[in-house]
Amino acid sequence: MSRYDGDAIDHTSGGTRSADREPPDGEPTVPPPAGASTAGAPTTGVPTAGAPTTGTSLAVGPRERGLRRGRVFVALVVCLGVVLLLVLVSLGVGARSIPLENVWRVLLHDDGSPEAIIVRRLRMPRTVLAVAVGAALALAGVVMQAITRNPLAEPGIVGVNSGASFAVVVAIAGFHVTSVSGYVWFAFAGAVLAALLVYTLTSGAARSHHHTRLVLAGAALSASLGACTGILTMFDTDAFDSYRFWVVGSLENRGTEALTAAVPFVVVGTLIALALGPSLNALALGDETGAALGLRVSWVRAAGFLSIMLLCGASTAAAGPIAFVGLVVPHVLRLVLGPDLRRLLAFSLPGGAILLLVGDIAGRVIAPPGEIEVGIVTAFIGAPALLWLVVRRRAVSS
């Protein structure tokens, strides 16, 4: 068991909270000083100077810890069940609606009927891609906010979206690539190179300023690449016509080529991110504190950045830039689950998949027989949700 598993770290503030007991609102706590006697005292920490002492709790026993872990497991199973239900709905919704019982039947047995062709060959790759992209973007958002200790950080700030967009325009204008399967690799290469450039520019910064320089360098590179992309599309109308359908973020007509190209990178990035959970909890205390606990801060940052690069690069290459998933999902999960990054990382996978599936389904039913791209729908969903979170945080703080 990791030495960091005992505490849940609020990575937006750098404080620690017990993983088994949530302190009452308004009761800031700090760990007891080293060497202090804890006999007869509650194990929930010592109130800070001047802080209200409104309530204490006895230590939570093993039975209660087991019950809470059981509830977390049940909640995770419920989320996965919701994902499965939305997958079935996604397979049945479209220009031609198919009842859920028929969807289930053709999934179990390919009888060669028109319904089987629609479900298995047309909608199945799209639905699986929605699950993979949504989970990847949400997971990358949790890691990005943990690394930068910025609750407003999202994966696009490291230049992934702008790098992929510029590479797609170069592929279309310079190499006359017109198919999704053709420029998906250009998009992935552009996303990775842009992210590596941002990380290289900020790797020499002091620990206390690393995350600030990371955000600034990402914003500057995004602006520069966005200007280059605008220049190319301004003078090449054919490139603009092809590019504008990719840049809005869509799952339509992506096919199995985009899915097979993205999934291996998403799987590797997911494994790296999940393995970093305890280390990210320790890093949220601060770079100096994490190093004092024996954490190799530079290695953790590099591994986290690698996972973000793989997750966002593959997702953006396959579906185009999709905003708000990596920003909204971590916020909502933090409100429900608390600050423990191990739980946030685990629940972000079904959470992101749910959001993108809902957006894709809504885009198909809003304006039949056509559809609205999922990137536009998630922006409509994410913008009000973000505003609500900001207003709620302001009301709580006041």
Protein backbone atom coordinates (compact mmCIF):
# COMPACT_ATOMS: atom_id res chain seq x y z
CA MET A 1 0.00 0.00 0.00
CA SER A 2 1.33 3.46 -0.89
CA ARG A 3 2.41 5.79 1.88
CA TYR A 4 0.11 8.43 0.41
CA ASP A 5 -3.08 6.36 0.52
CA GLY A 6 -4.16 7.53 3.94
CA ASP A 7 -4.97 11.14 3.09
CA ALA A 8 -7.19 12.77 0.49
CA ILE A 9 -5.61 15.91 -0.85
CA ASP A 10 -7.56 18.93 -2.05
CA HIS A 11 -5.42 19.79 -5.05
CA THR A 12 -7.14 23.13 -5.58
CA SER A 13 -6.00 24.40 -2.20
CA GLY A 14 -3.07 22.19 -1.22
CA GLY A 15 -4.64 21.05 2.04
CA THR A 16 -5.19 17.56 3.37
CA ARG A 17 -8.37 15.94 4.55
CA SER A 18 -9.04 12.53 5.99
CA ALA A 19 -9.97 10.01 3.34
CA ASP A 20 -12.50 8.40 5.68
CA ARG A 21 -14.09 11.42 7.32
CA GLU A 22 -15.22 14.68 5.75
CA PRO A 23 -14.82 17.55 8.29
CA PRO A 24 -17.81 19.82 8.80
CA ASP A 25 -18.01 22.94 6.64
CA GLY A 26 -16.02 25.76 8.09
CA GLU A 27 -13.66 23.53 10.09
CA PRO A 28 -10.20 23.83 8.55
CA THR A 29 -7.82 21.28 9.96
CA VAL A 30 -4.14 20.54 9.74
CA PRO A 31 -2.29 17.36 10.63
CA PRO A 32 -1.03 17.12 14.24
CA PRO A 33 2.61 18.14 14.67
CA ALA A 34 5.27 15.46 14.57
CA GLY A 35 5.88 13.86 17.92
CA ALA A 36 2.68 15.18 19.47
CA SER A 37 0.75 12.80 21.67
CA THR A 38 -2.61 11.72 20.30
CA ALA A 39 -3.74 9.75 23.31
CA GLY A 40 -7.35 10.52 24.09
CA ALA A 41 -7.54 13.07 21.28
CA PRO A 42 -9.59 12.80 18.09
CA THR A 43 -7.58 11.74 15.08
CA THR A 44 -9.15 14.27 12.73
CA GLY A 45 -6.45 16.91 13.10
CA VAL A 46 -5.86 20.05 15.16
CA PRO A 47 -7.83 23.22 14.33
CA THR A 48 -5.76 26.04 12.97
CA ALA A 49 -5.16 29.15 14.97
CA GLY A 50 -8.28 31.28 15.16
CA ALA A 51 -10.39 28.63 13.43
CA PRO A 52 -13.76 27.68 14.87
CA THR A 53 -13.85 24.40 16.73
CA THR A 54 -17.38 23.48 15.75
CA GLY A 55 -17.47 19.80 16.30
CA THR A 56 -15.18 16.80 16.48
CA SER A 57 -15.45 13.18 15.45
CA LEU A 58 -14.04 10.01 16.80
CA ALA A 59 -11.74 7.96 14.62
CA VAL A 60 -13.52 5.93 11.99
CA GLY A 61 -13.17 2.22 12.56
CA PRO A 62 -12.31 -0.45 10.01
CA ARG A 63 -15.97 -1.44 9.65
CA GLU A 64 -17.02 2.09 8.74
CA ARG A 65 -14.12 2.39 6.30
CA GLY A 66 -15.22 -0.84 4.67
CA LEU A 67 -18.79 0.40 4.38
CA ARG A 68 -17.67 3.62 2.73
CA ARG A 69 -15.44 1.79 0.29
CA GLY A 70 -18.37 -0.49 -0.47
CA ARG A 71 -20.56 2.52 -1.21
CA VAL A 72 -17.90 3.95 -3.52
CA PHE A 73 -17.72 0.62 -5.36
CA VAL A 74 -21.52 0.49 -5.70
CA ALA A 75 -21.54 4.05 -7.05
CA LEU A 76 -18.89 3.13 -9.60
CA VAL A 77 -20.92 0.10 -10.71
CA VAL A 78 -24.00 2.33 -11.06
CA CYS A 79 -22.05 4.76 -13.24
CA LEU A 80 -20.90 1.92 -15.46
CA GLY A 81 -24.50 0.75 -15.71
CA VAL A 82 -25.54 4.22 -16.85
CA VAL A 83 -22.82 4.13 -19.48
CA LEU A 84 -24.09 0.78 -20.75
CA LEU A 85 -27.65 2.09 -20.93
CA LEU A 86 -26.56 5.17 -22.85
CA VAL A 87 -24.57 2.96 -25.23
CA LEU A 88 -27.74 1.01 -26.06
CA VAL A 89 -29.70 4.25 -26.51
CA SER A 90 -26.96 5.64 -28.77
CA LEU A 91 -27.09 2.53 -30.93
CA GLY A 92 -30.84 2.94 -31.36
CA VAL A 93 -31.12 6.70 -31.91
CA GLY A 94 -30.58 8.35 -35.27
CA ALA A 95 -32.23 9.11 -38.59
CA ARG A 96 -33.80 5.68 -38.27
CA SER A 97 -34.82 4.83 -34.73
CA ILE A 98 -34.41 1.23 -33.61
CA PRO A 99 -36.11 -0.17 -30.47
CA LEU A 100 -33.78 -1.22 -27.69
CA GLU A 101 -34.89 -4.85 -27.85
CA ASN A 102 -33.95 -4.97 -31.53
CA VAL A 103 -30.63 -3.31 -30.77
CA TRP A 104 -29.87 -5.99 -28.19
CA ARG A 105 -30.95 -8.73 -30.59
CA VAL A 106 -28.72 -7.65 -33.47
CA LEU A 107 -25.81 -7.15 -31.09
CA LEU A 108 -26.06 -10.77 -30.01
CA HIS A 109 -26.74 -12.12 -33.51
CA ASP A 110 -25.82 -10.51 -36.82
CA ASP A 111 -28.69 -11.60 -39.05
CA GLY A 112 -27.68 -9.37 -41.97
CA SER A 113 -30.80 -7.23 -41.68
CA PRO A 114 -30.74 -3.46 -42.33
CA GLU A 115 -31.00 -2.90 -38.58
CA ALA A 116 -27.95 -5.08 -37.98
CA ILE A 117 -25.96 -3.15 -40.59
CA ILE A 118 -26.93 0.20 -39.05
CA VAL A 119 -26.18 -0.87 -35.47
CA ARG A 120 -23.04 -2.94 -35.95
CA ARG A 121 -21.29 -1.17 -38.82
CA LEU A 122 -22.40 2.46 -38.58
CA ARG A 123 -23.33 3.29 -35.00
CA MET A 124 -21.16 0.91 -33.01
CA PRO A 125 -17.76 2.48 -33.94
CA ARG A 126 -19.19 5.94 -33.31
CA THR A 127 -20.56 4.98 -29.90
CA VAL A 128 -17.36 3.25 -28.78
CA LEU A 129 -15.38 6.29 -29.94
CA ALA A 130 -17.66 8.55 -27.88
CA VAL A 131 -16.99 6.45 -24.77
CA ALA A 132 -13.22 6.44 -25.36
CA VAL A 133 -12.93 10.15 -26.16
CA GLY A 134 -15.19 11.27 -23.31
CA ALA A 135 -13.36 9.14 -20.75
CA ALA A 136 -9.95 10.26 -22.03
CA LEU A 137 -10.76 13.98 -21.96
CA ALA A 138 -12.27 13.84 -18.48
CA LEU A 139 -9.33 11.84 -17.10
CA ALA A 140 -6.85 14.24 -18.69
CA GLY A 141 -8.74 17.13 -17.11
CA VAL A 142 -8.36 15.66 -13.63
CA VAL A 143 -4.62 15.14 -14.14
CA MET A 144 -4.13 18.62 -15.60
CA GLN A 145 -5.92 20.31 -12.69
CA ALA A 146 -3.89 18.25 -10.23
CA ILE A 147 -0.54 19.07 -11.84
CA THR A 148 -1.22 22.80 -12.20
CA ARG A 149 -3.23 23.07 -8.95
CA ASN A 150 -5.62 25.22 -10.97
CA PRO A 151 -9.33 24.31 -10.88
CA LEU A 152 -9.89 26.12 -14.19
CA ALA A 153 -7.21 24.21 -16.06
CA GLU A 154 -8.23 21.97 -18.92
CA PRO A 155 -6.23 19.81 -21.32
CA GLY A 156 -6.33 22.31 -24.18
CA ILE A 157 -4.12 24.81 -22.35
CA VAL A 158 -0.97 22.82 -23.18
CA GLY A 159 -1.43 23.44 -26.90
CA VAL A 160 -2.88 20.05 -27.82
CA ASN A 161 -5.92 21.41 -29.67
CA SER A 162 -4.04 24.13 -31.53
CA GLY A 163 -1.21 21.77 -32.49
CA ALA A 164 -3.63 19.18 -33.84
CA SER A 165 -5.60 21.83 -35.73
CA PHE A 166 -2.51 23.26 -37.37
CA ALA A 167 -1.30 19.80 -38.38
CA VAL A 168 -4.68 18.98 -39.94
CA VAL A 169 -4.62 22.16 -42.01
CA VAL A 170 -1.06 21.39 -43.15
CA ALA A 171 -2.13 17.86 -44.11
CA ILE A 172 -5.07 19.15 -46.13
CA ALA A 173 -3.36 22.13 -47.78
CA GLY A 174 0.14 20.74 -48.20
CA PHE A 175 -0.40 17.02 -48.73
CA HIS A 176 -3.99 17.08 -50.09
CA VAL A 177 -5.21 14.64 -47.47
CA THR A 178 -9.01 14.64 -47.36
CA SER A 179 -10.05 11.53 -45.41
CA VAL A 180 -10.35 11.28 -41.64
CA SER A 181 -8.20 8.16 -41.62
CA GLY A 182 -5.53 10.09 -43.46
CA TYR A 183 -5.15 13.20 -41.32
CA VAL A 184 -5.80 11.55 -37.95
CA TRP A 185 -2.09 10.74 -37.73
CA PHE A 186 -1.16 14.31 -38.66
CA ALA A 187 -3.44 15.55 -35.90
CA PHE A 188 -1.91 13.23 -33.33
CA ALA A 189 1.63 14.19 -34.34
CA GLY A 190 0.77 17.90 -34.14
CA ALA A 191 -0.82 17.51 -30.71
CA VAL A 192 2.17 15.59 -29.34
CA LEU A 193 4.75 18.00 -30.77
CA ALA A 194 2.90 21.04 -29.41
CA ALA A 195 2.61 19.48 -25.95
CA LEU A 196 6.29 18.49 -25.95
CA LEU A 197 7.29 22.02 -26.94
CA VAL A 198 5.27 23.51 -24.07
CA TYR A 199 6.78 21.06 -21.60
CA THR A 200 10.31 21.71 -22.88
CA LEU A 201 9.89 25.47 -22.55
CA THR A 202 8.77 25.14 -18.92
CA SER A 203 10.96 22.24 -17.76
CA GLY A 204 13.66 24.56 -16.41
CA ALA A 205 11.30 26.64 -14.28
CA ALA A 206 11.46 26.62 -10.51
CA ARG A 207 9.09 24.24 -8.80
CA SER A 208 6.96 27.00 -7.34
CA HIS A 209 6.44 28.63 -10.76
CA HIS A 210 6.33 25.56 -13.01
CA HIS A 211 2.55 25.29 -13.30
CA THR A 212 2.19 29.05 -13.93
CA ARG A 213 4.73 29.00 -16.75
CA LEU A 214 3.07 25.88 -18.15
CA VAL A 215 -0.25 27.70 -18.52
CA LEU A 216 1.36 30.84 -19.98
CA ALA A 217 3.50 28.90 -22.47
CA GLY A 218 0.49 26.84 -23.55
CA ALA A 219 -1.62 29.95 -24.09
CA ALA A 220 1.13 31.66 -26.09
CA LEU A 221 1.73 28.62 -28.29
CA SER A 222 -2.00 28.14 -28.85
CA ALA A 223 -2.35 31.74 -29.98
CA SER A 224 0.61 31.45 -32.35
CA LEU A 225 -0.54 28.18 -33.91
CA GLY A 226 -4.09 29.52 -34.15
CA ALA A 227 -2.81 32.49 -36.15
CA CYS A 228 -0.87 30.18 -38.48
CA THR A 229 -3.95 28.02 -38.96
CA GLY A 230 -6.04 31.09 -39.78
CA ILE A 231 -3.53 32.26 -42.38
CA LEU A 232 -3.50 28.89 -44.16
CA THR A 233 -7.28 28.54 -44.23
CA MET A 234 -7.69 32.15 -45.39
CA PHE A 235 -5.73 31.56 -48.59
CA ASP A 236 -6.84 27.95 -49.24
CA THR A 237 -10.60 27.62 -49.47
CA ASP A 238 -10.48 23.86 -50.04
CA ALA A 239 -8.50 23.39 -46.86
CA PHE A 240 -10.96 25.59 -44.99
CA ASP A 241 -13.98 23.61 -46.25
CA SER A 242 -12.48 20.34 -45.01
CA TYR A 243 -11.05 21.80 -41.84
CA ARG A 244 -14.24 23.47 -40.61
CA PHE A 245 -16.05 20.14 -40.29
CA TRP A 246 -13.23 18.70 -38.19
CA VAL A 247 -12.58 21.68 -35.92
CA VAL A 248 -16.11 21.78 -34.44
CA GLY A 249 -15.58 18.35 -32.86
CA SER A 250 -17.67 15.55 -34.29
CA LEU A 251 -18.11 11.79 -34.06
CA GLU A 252 -19.94 11.49 -37.37
CA ASN A 253 -18.32 9.49 -40.18
CA ARG A 254 -15.20 8.76 -38.16
CA GLY A 255 -15.34 5.02 -38.79
CA THR A 256 -13.20 2.26 -37.40
CA GLU A 257 -9.99 3.85 -38.70
CA ALA A 258 -10.12 6.70 -36.22
CA LEU A 259 -11.19 4.32 -33.44
CA THR A 260 -8.35 1.85 -33.96
CA ALA A 261 -5.84 4.68 -34.22
CA ALA A 262 -6.94 6.36 -30.97
CA VAL A 263 -7.77 3.49 -28.59
CA PRO A 264 -4.21 2.13 -28.02
CA PHE A 265 -2.91 5.56 -26.99
CA VAL A 266 -5.97 6.16 -24.79
CA VAL A 267 -5.42 2.84 -23.01
CA VAL A 268 -1.75 3.60 -22.28
CA GLY A 269 -2.54 7.13 -21.10
CA THR A 270 -5.32 5.82 -18.86
CA LEU A 271 -3.08 3.27 -17.17
CA ILE A 272 -0.42 5.92 -16.49
CA ALA A 273 -2.96 8.37 -15.07
CA LEU A 274 -4.63 5.83 -12.77
CA ALA A 275 -1.25 4.70 -11.44
CA LEU A 276 -0.42 8.31 -10.49
CA GLY A 277 -3.38 8.73 -8.11
CA PRO A 278 -1.53 8.46 -4.75
CA SER A 279 1.43 10.48 -6.04
CA LEU A 280 -0.85 13.27 -7.29
CA ASN A 281 -2.47 13.36 -3.85
CA ALA A 282 0.96 13.97 -2.32
CA LEU A 283 1.88 16.51 -5.01
CA ALA A 284 -1.22 18.54 -4.14
CA LEU A 285 0.42 19.40 -0.81
CA GLY A 286 3.01 21.39 -2.73
CA ASP A 287 6.23 20.56 -4.50
CA GLU A 288 8.43 21.11 -1.45
CA THR A 289 6.20 19.07 0.85
CA GLY A 290 5.89 16.31 -1.72
CA ALA A 291 9.66 16.16 -2.13
CA ALA A 292 10.06 16.04 1.65
CA LEU A 293 7.75 13.02 1.69
CA GLY A 294 10.07 11.26 -0.75
CA LEU A 295 8.09 12.05 -3.90
CA ARG A 296 10.08 12.49 -7.10
CA VAL A 297 8.22 15.61 -8.20
CA SER A 298 9.80 15.96 -11.63
CA TRP A 299 9.05 12.33 -12.49
CA VAL A 300 5.44 12.65 -11.36
CA ARG A 301 4.97 15.81 -13.44
CA ALA A 302 6.58 14.19 -16.47
CA ALA A 303 4.43 11.06 -16.16
CA GLY A 304 1.29 13.15 -15.70
CA PHE A 305 2.15 15.27 -18.71
CA LEU A 306 2.79 12.13 -20.75
CA SER A 307 -0.65 10.78 -19.87
CA ILE A 308 -2.28 14.10 -20.81
CA MET A 309 -0.40 14.14 -24.10
CA LEU A 310 -1.50 10.61 -25.00
CA LEU A 311 -5.11 11.03 -23.89
CA CYS A 312 -5.72 14.44 -25.45
CA GLY A 313 -3.63 13.86 -28.54
CA ALA A 314 -5.47 10.67 -29.47
CA SER A 315 -8.90 12.10 -28.62
CA THR A 316 -8.38 15.33 -30.54
CA ALA A 317 -6.98 13.49 -33.53
CA ALA A 318 -9.97 11.15 -33.66
CA ALA A 319 -12.87 13.50 -32.96
CA GLY A 320 -11.50 17.03 -33.25
CA PRO A 321 -11.31 19.62 -30.47
CA ILE A 322 -14.13 19.01 -27.97
CA ALA A 323 -14.32 21.61 -25.22
CA PHE A 324 -15.58 21.58 -21.63
CA VAL A 325 -15.44 17.81 -21.04
CA GLY A 326 -12.06 18.01 -19.32
CA LEU A 327 -13.15 21.10 -17.39
CA VAL A 328 -16.70 20.38 -16.23
CA VAL A 329 -16.49 16.69 -15.34
CA PRO A 330 -13.69 17.09 -12.73
CA HIS A 331 -15.60 19.96 -11.10
CA VAL A 332 -18.84 18.01 -10.85
CA LEU A 333 -17.07 14.93 -9.50
CA ARG A 334 -15.20 17.01 -6.92
CA LEU A 335 -18.48 18.40 -5.61
CA VAL A 336 -19.88 14.88 -5.20
CA LEU A 337 -16.83 12.83 -4.20
CA GLY A 338 -14.54 15.30 -2.48
CA PRO A 339 -10.88 16.02 -3.26
CA ASP A 340 -9.40 12.50 -3.22
CA LEU A 341 -7.71 12.19 -6.60
CA ARG A 342 -7.83 8.39 -6.55
CA ARG A 343 -11.61 8.53 -6.63
CA LEU A 344 -11.70 11.43 -9.09
CA LEU A 345 -9.49 9.56 -11.54
CA ALA A 346 -11.60 6.40 -11.33
CA PHE A 347 -14.97 8.15 -11.65
CA SER A 348 -13.82 10.49 -14.41
CA LEU A 349 -13.78 7.59 -16.87
CA PRO A 350 -17.54 6.85 -16.73
CA GLY A 351 -18.28 10.54 -16.04
CA GLY A 352 -16.66 11.73 -19.25
CA ALA A 353 -18.22 8.90 -21.24
CA ILE A 354 -21.67 9.80 -19.89
CA LEU A 355 -21.30 13.48 -20.81
CA LEU A 356 -20.12 12.79 -24.36
CA LEU A 357 -22.74 10.09 -24.97
CA VAL A 358 -25.49 12.44 -23.76
CA GLY A 359 -24.12 15.17 -26.02
CA ASP A 360 -23.94 12.87 -29.03
CA ILE A 361 -27.46 11.51 -28.48
CA ALA A 362 -28.84 15.02 -27.96
CA GLY A 363 -27.20 16.22 -31.16
CA ARG A 364 -29.00 13.51 -33.11
CA VAL A 365 -32.48 14.18 -31.69
CA ILE A 366 -32.46 18.00 -31.56
CA ALA A 367 -32.64 18.66 -35.30
CA PRO A 368 -33.78 15.53 -37.18
CA PRO A 369 -33.16 14.28 -39.83
CA GLY A 370 -29.83 16.11 -39.55
CA GLU A 371 -27.69 16.40 -36.47
CA ILE A 372 -25.62 18.87 -34.47
CA GLU A 373 -21.97 18.02 -33.86
CA VAL A 374 -21.15 16.82 -30.37
CA GLY A 375 -18.57 19.57 -29.85
CA ILE A 376 -21.30 22.19 -30.18
CA VAL A 377 -23.64 20.31 -27.83
CA THR A 378 -21.01 19.87 -25.12
CA ALA A 379 -20.29 23.61 -25.32
CA PHE A 380 -24.01 24.31 -24.74
CA ILE A 381 -24.01 21.87 -21.81
CA GLY A 382 -20.64 22.82 -20.38
CA ALA A 383 -20.91 26.61 -20.46
CA PRO A 384 -24.02 26.85 -18.21
CA ALA A 385 -22.60 24.15 -15.94
CA LEU A 386 -19.35 26.09 -15.57
CA LEU A 387 -21.24 29.32 -14.84
CA TRP A 388 -23.28 27.52 -12.19
CA LEU A 389 -20.14 26.16 -10.59
CA VAL A 390 -18.56 29.62 -10.51
CA VAL A 391 -21.67 31.20 -8.99
CA ARG A 392 -21.99 28.39 -6.44
CA ARG A 393 -18.32 28.67 -5.43
CA ARG A 394 -18.70 32.44 -5.03
CA ALA A 395 -21.84 32.03 -2.92
CA VAL A 396 -20.14 29.46 -0.67
CA SER A 397 -17.03 31.60 -0.23
CA SER A 398 -19.10 34.66 0.70
